[in-house]
């Protein structure tokens, strides 16, 4: 049960950060790079909850 809660919280934080990045007044290319970095970090943290790492 703790793993499911952790996964949901991580997923919600990723979505919130992506939303906030979308609100930043920066250029499209830099915004895209930051989105990719956030998604990669989010996937790694989700894999940690699934005991892959």
PDB file of N, CA and C in Angstrom:
ATOM      1  N   UNK A   1       0.826  -1.202   0.000  1.00  0.00           N
ATOM      2  CA  UNK A   1       0.000   0.000   0.000  1.00  0.00           C
ATOM      3  C   UNK A   1       0.866   1.260   0.000  1.00  0.00           C
ATOM      4  N   UNK A   2       1.987   1.219   0.735  1.00  0.00           N
ATOM      5  CA  UNK A   2       2.866   2.395   0.760  1.00  0.00           C
ATOM      6  C   UNK A   2       3.462   2.669  -0.612  1.00  0.00           C
ATOM      7  N   UNK A   3       3.728   1.615  -1.370  1.00  0.00           N
ATOM      8  CA  UNK A   3       4.298   1.805  -2.710  1.00  0.00           C
ATOM      9  C   UNK A   3       3.297   2.510  -3.622  1.00  0.00           C
ATOM     10  N   UNK A   4       2.029   2.147  -3.525  1.00  0.00           N
ATOM     11  CA  UNK A   4       1.002   2.774  -4.368  1.00  0.00           C
ATOM     12  C   UNK A   4       0.865   4.253  -4.024  1.00  0.00           C
ATOM     13  N   UNK A   5       0.876   4.574  -2.746  1.00  0.00           N
ATOM     14  CA  UNK A   5       0.782   5.975  -2.320  1.00  0.00           C
ATOM     15  C   UNK A   5       2.001   6.750  -2.795  1.00  0.00           C
ATOM     16  N   UNK A   6       3.172   6.156  -2.671  1.00  0.00           N
ATOM     17  CA  UNK A   6       4.390   6.810  -3.139  1.00  0.00           C
ATOM     18  C   UNK A   6       4.381   7.057  -4.628  1.00  0.00           C
ATOM     19  N   UNK A   7       3.881   6.081  -5.385  1.00  0.00           N
ATOM     20  CA  UNK A   7       3.800   6.234  -6.837  1.00  0.00           C
ATOM     21  C   UNK A   7       2.826   7.343  -7.206  1.00  0.00           C
ATOM     22  N   UNK A   8       1.682   7.389  -6.537  1.00  0.00           N
ATOM     23  CA  UNK A   8       0.698   8.441  -6.829  1.00  0.00           C
ATOM     24  C   UNK A   8       1.234   9.826  -6.492  1.00  0.00           C
ATOM     25  N   UNK A   9       1.893   9.942  -5.360  1.00  0.00           N
ATOM     26  CA  UNK A   9       2.457  11.246  -4.966  1.00  0.00           C
ATOM     27  C   UNK A   9       3.529  11.673  -5.962  1.00  0.00           C
ATOM     28  N   UNK A  10       4.391  10.744  -6.357  1.00  0.00           N
ATOM     29  CA  UNK A  10       5.425  11.068  -7.333  1.00  0.00           C
ATOM     30  C   UNK A  10       4.814  11.503  -8.659  1.00  0.00           C
ATOM     31  N   UNK A  11       3.790  10.793  -9.103  1.00  0.00           N
ATOM     32  CA  UNK A  11       3.118  11.123 -10.354  1.00  0.00           C
ATOM     33  C   UNK A  11       2.491  12.519 -10.283  1.00  0.00           C
ATOM     34  N   UNK A  12       1.854  12.831  -9.158  1.00  0.00           N
ATOM     35  CA  UNK A  12       1.239  14.152  -9.005  1.00  0.00           C
ATOM     36  C   UNK A  12       2.281  15.258  -8.969  1.00  0.00           C
ATOM     37  N   UNK A  13       3.418  15.003  -8.322  1.00  0.00           N
ATOM     38  CA  UNK A  13       4.488  16.008  -8.274  1.00  0.00           C
ATOM     39  C   UNK A  13       5.051  16.241  -9.671  1.00  0.00           C
ATOM     40  N   UNK A  14       5.217  15.181 -10.444  1.00  0.00           N
ATOM     41  CA  UNK A  14       5.718  15.330 -11.815  1.00  0.00           C
ATOM     42  C   UNK A  14       4.768  16.188 -12.639  1.00  0.00           C
ATOM     43  N   UNK A  15       3.479  15.915 -12.531  1.00  0.00           N
ATOM     44  CA  UNK A  15       2.489  16.691 -13.286  1.00  0.00           C
ATOM     45  C   UNK A  15       2.488  18.158 -12.839  1.00  0.00           C
ATOM     46  N   UNK A  16       2.592  18.388 -11.540  1.00  0.00           N
ATOM     47  CA  UNK A  16       2.624  19.764 -11.028  1.00  0.00           C
ATOM     48  C   UNK A  16       3.855  20.505 -11.525  1.00  0.00           C
ATOM     49  N   UNK A  17       5.012  19.857 -11.494  1.00  0.00           N
ATOM     50  CA  UNK A  17       6.240  20.508 -11.959  1.00  0.00           C
ATOM     51  C   UNK A  17       6.158  20.798 -13.454  1.00  0.00           C
ATOM     52  N   UNK A  18       5.618  19.861 -14.233  1.00  0.00           N
ATOM     53  CA  UNK A  18       5.470  20.112 -15.672  1.00  0.00           C
ATOM     54  C   UNK A  18       4.514  21.270 -15.941  1.00  0.00           C
ATOM     55  N   UNK A  19       3.460  21.378 -15.150  1.00  0.00           N
ATOM     56  CA  UNK A  19       2.530  22.499 -15.291  1.00  0.00           C
ATOM     57  C   UNK A  19       3.229  23.822 -14.963  1.00  0.00           C
ATOM     58  N   UNK A  20       4.011  23.830 -13.885  1.00  0.00           N
ATOM     59  CA  UNK A  20       4.716  25.057 -13.512  1.00  0.00           C
ATOM     60  C   UNK A  20       5.770  25.436 -14.544  1.00  0.00           C
ATOM     61  N   UNK A  21       6.430  24.444 -15.126  1.00  0.00           N
ATOM     62  CA  UNK A  21       7.405  24.730 -16.179  1.00  0.00           C
ATOM     63  C   UNK A  21       6.700  25.359 -17.378  1.00  0.00           C
ATOM     64  N   UNK A  22       5.508  24.888 -17.676  1.00  0.00           N
ATOM     65  CA  UNK A  22       4.744  25.434 -18.798  1.00  0.00           C
ATOM     66  C   UNK A  22       4.398  26.905 -18.568  1.00  0.00           C
ATOM     67  N   UNK A  23       4.273  27.320 -17.309  1.00  0.00           N
ATOM     68  CA  UNK A  23       3.939  28.708 -16.991  1.00  0.00           C
ATOM     69  C   UNK A  23       5.150  29.643 -17.024  1.00  0.00           C
ATOM     70  N   UNK A  24       6.364  29.089 -17.041  1.00  0.00           N
ATOM     71  CA  UNK A  24       7.560  29.925 -17.021  1.00  0.00           C
ATOM     72  C   UNK A  24       7.719  30.684 -18.332  1.00  0.00           C
ATOM     73  N   UNK A  25       8.163  31.937 -18.242  1.00  0.00           N
ATOM     74  CA  UNK A  25       8.347  32.728 -19.467  1.00  0.00           C
ATOM     75  C   UNK A  25       9.721  32.492 -20.100  1.00  0.00           C
ATOM     76  N   UNK A  26       9.991  31.259 -20.521  1.00  0.00           N
ATOM     77  CA  UNK A  26      11.258  30.954 -21.183  1.00  0.00           C
ATOM     78  C   UNK A  26      10.967  30.442 -22.589  1.00  0.00           C
ATOM     79  N   UNK A  27      12.031  30.384 -23.409  1.00  0.00           N
ATOM     80  CA  UNK A  27      11.864  30.000 -24.804  1.00  0.00           C
ATOM     81  C   UNK A  27      11.473  28.534 -24.930  1.00  0.00           C
ATOM     82  N   UNK A  28      10.964  28.195 -26.078  1.00  0.00           N
ATOM     83  CA  UNK A  28      10.447  26.850 -26.313  1.00  0.00           C
ATOM     84  C   UNK A  28      11.486  25.756 -26.194  1.00  0.00           C
ATOM     85  N   UNK A  29      12.688  25.987 -26.723  1.00  0.00           N
ATOM     86  CA  UNK A  29      13.726  24.948 -26.699  1.00  0.00           C
ATOM     87  C   UNK A  29      14.178  24.665 -25.270  1.00  0.00           C
ATOM     88  N   UNK A  30      14.398  25.708 -24.483  1.00  0.00           N
ATOM     89  CA  UNK A  30      14.816  25.523 -23.091  1.00  0.00           C
ATOM     90  C   UNK A  30      13.712  24.853 -22.281  1.00  0.00           C
ATOM     91  N   UNK A  31      12.480  25.229 -22.559  1.00  0.00           N
ATOM     92  CA  UNK A  31      11.341  24.629 -21.862  1.00  0.00           C
ATOM     93  C   UNK A  31      11.242  23.142 -22.171  1.00  0.00           C
ATOM     94  N   UNK A  32      11.501  22.769 -23.421  1.00  0.00           N
ATOM     95  CA  UNK A  32      11.448  21.370 -23.819  1.00  0.00           C
ATOM     96  C   UNK A  32      12.552  20.565 -23.134  1.00  0.00           C
ATOM     97  N   UNK A  33      13.745  21.131 -23.017  1.00  0.00           N
ATOM     98  CA  UNK A  33      14.850  20.450 -22.346  1.00  0.00           C
ATOM     99  C   UNK A  33      14.527  20.227 -20.880  1.00  0.00           C
ATOM    100  N   UNK A  34      13.962  21.223 -20.219  1.00  0.00           N
ATOM    101  CA  UNK A  34      13.607  21.088 -18.808  1.00  0.00           C
ATOM    102  C   UNK A  34      12.513  20.047 -18.630  1.00  0.00           C
ATOM    103  N   UNK A  35      11.547  20.000 -19.555  1.00  0.00           N
ATOM    104  CA  UNK A  35      10.488  18.980 -19.487  1.00  0.00           C
ATOM    105  C   UNK A  35      11.066  17.577 -19.577  1.00  0.00           C
ATOM    106  N   UNK A  36      12.000  17.378 -20.500  1.00  0.00           N
ATOM    107  CA  UNK A  36      12.608  16.056 -20.664  1.00  0.00           C
ATOM    108  C   UNK A  36      13.375  15.665 -19.407  1.00  0.00           C
ATOM    109  N   UNK A  37      14.092  16.601 -18.814  1.00  0.00           N
ATOM    110  CA  UNK A  37      14.837  16.314 -17.585  1.00  0.00           C
ATOM    111  C   UNK A  37      13.890  15.925 -16.463  1.00  0.00           C
ATOM    112  N   UNK A  38      12.789  16.656 -16.318  1.00  0.00           N
ATOM    113  CA  UNK A  38      11.818  16.342 -15.266  1.00  0.00           C
ATOM    114  C   UNK A  38      11.195  14.975 -15.502  1.00  0.00           C
ATOM    115  N   UNK A  39      10.867  14.648 -16.722  1.00  0.00           N
ATOM    116  CA  UNK A  39      10.264  13.356 -17.018  1.00  0.00           C
ATOM    117  C   UNK A  39      11.239  12.221 -16.740  1.00  0.00           C
ATOM    118  N   UNK A  40      12.508  12.390 -17.097  1.00  0.00           N
ATOM    119  CA  UNK A  40      13.506  11.350 -16.832  1.00  0.00           C
ATOM    120  C   UNK A  40      13.682  11.147 -15.330  1.00  0.00           C
ATOM    121  N   UNK A  41      13.777  12.233 -14.579  1.00  0.00           N
ATOM    122  CA  UNK A  41      13.899  12.116 -13.121  1.00  0.00           C
ATOM    123  C   UNK A  41      12.661  11.458 -12.537  1.00  0.00           C
ATOM    124  N   UNK A  42      11.496  11.801 -13.050  1.00  0.00           N
ATOM    125  CA  UNK A  42      10.264  11.190 -12.570  1.00  0.00           C
ATOM    126  C   UNK A  42      10.202   9.704 -12.858  1.00  0.00           C
ATOM    127  N   UNK A  43      10.626   9.294 -14.039  1.00  0.00           N
ATOM    128  CA  UNK A  43      10.628   7.866 -14.371  1.00  0.00           C
ATOM    129  C   UNK A  43      11.601   7.110 -13.483  1.00  0.00           C
ATOM    130  N   UNK A  44      12.766   7.691 -13.224  1.00  0.00           N
ATOM    131  CA  UNK A  44      13.731   7.039 -12.341  1.00  0.00           C
ATOM    132  C   UNK A  44      13.170   6.893 -10.938  1.00  0.00           C
ATOM    133  N   UNK A  45      12.496   7.918 -10.438  1.00  0.00           N
ATOM    134  CA  UNK A  45      11.928   7.810  -9.088  1.00  0.00           C
ATOM    135  C   UNK A  45      10.764   6.816  -9.043  1.00  0.00           C
ATOM    136  N   UNK A  46       9.979   6.730 -10.118  1.00  0.00           N
ATOM    137  CA  UNK A  46       8.916   5.723 -10.167  1.00  0.00           C
ATOM    138  C   UNK A  46       9.495   4.314 -10.211  1.00  0.00           C
ATOM    139  N   UNK A  47      10.577   4.128 -10.939  1.00  0.00           N
ATOM    140  CA  UNK A  47      11.225   2.815 -10.982  1.00  0.00           C
ATOM    141  C   UNK A  47      11.796   2.436  -9.622  1.00  0.00           C
ATOM    142  N   UNK A  48      12.207   3.442  -8.862  1.00  0.00           N
ATOM    143  CA  UNK A  48      12.715   3.172  -7.515  1.00  0.00           C
ATOM    144  C   UNK A  48      11.597   2.640  -6.627  1.00  0.00           C
ATOM    145  N   UNK A  49      10.399   3.162  -6.780  1.00  0.00           N
ATOM    146  CA  UNK A  49       9.264   2.664  -6.003  1.00  0.00           C
ATOM    147  C   UNK A  49       8.876   1.246  -6.419  1.00  0.00           C
ATOM    148  N   UNK A  50       9.115   0.912  -7.676  1.00  0.00           N
ATOM    149  CA  UNK A  50       8.783  -0.426  -8.146  1.00  0.00           C
ATOM    150  C   UNK A  50       9.914  -1.428  -7.891  1.00  0.00           C
ATOM    151  N   UNK A  51      10.925  -0.997  -7.149  1.00  0.00           N
ATOM    152  CA  UNK A  51      12.053  -1.840  -6.713  1.00  0.00           C
ATOM    153  C   UNK A  51      12.899  -2.337  -7.886  1.00  0.00           C
ATOM    154  N   UNK A  52      12.993  -1.540  -8.924  1.00  0.00           N
ATOM    155  CA  UNK A  52      13.875  -1.886 -10.034  1.00  0.00           C
ATOM    156  C   UNK A  52      15.303  -1.503  -9.674  1.00  0.00           C
ATOM    157  N   UNK A  53      15.461  -0.382  -8.992  1.00  0.00           N
ATOM    158  CA  UNK A  53      16.792   0.059  -8.553  1.00  0.00           C
ATOM    159  C   UNK A  53      16.989  -0.264  -7.102  1.00  0.00           C
TER     160      UNK A  53
END
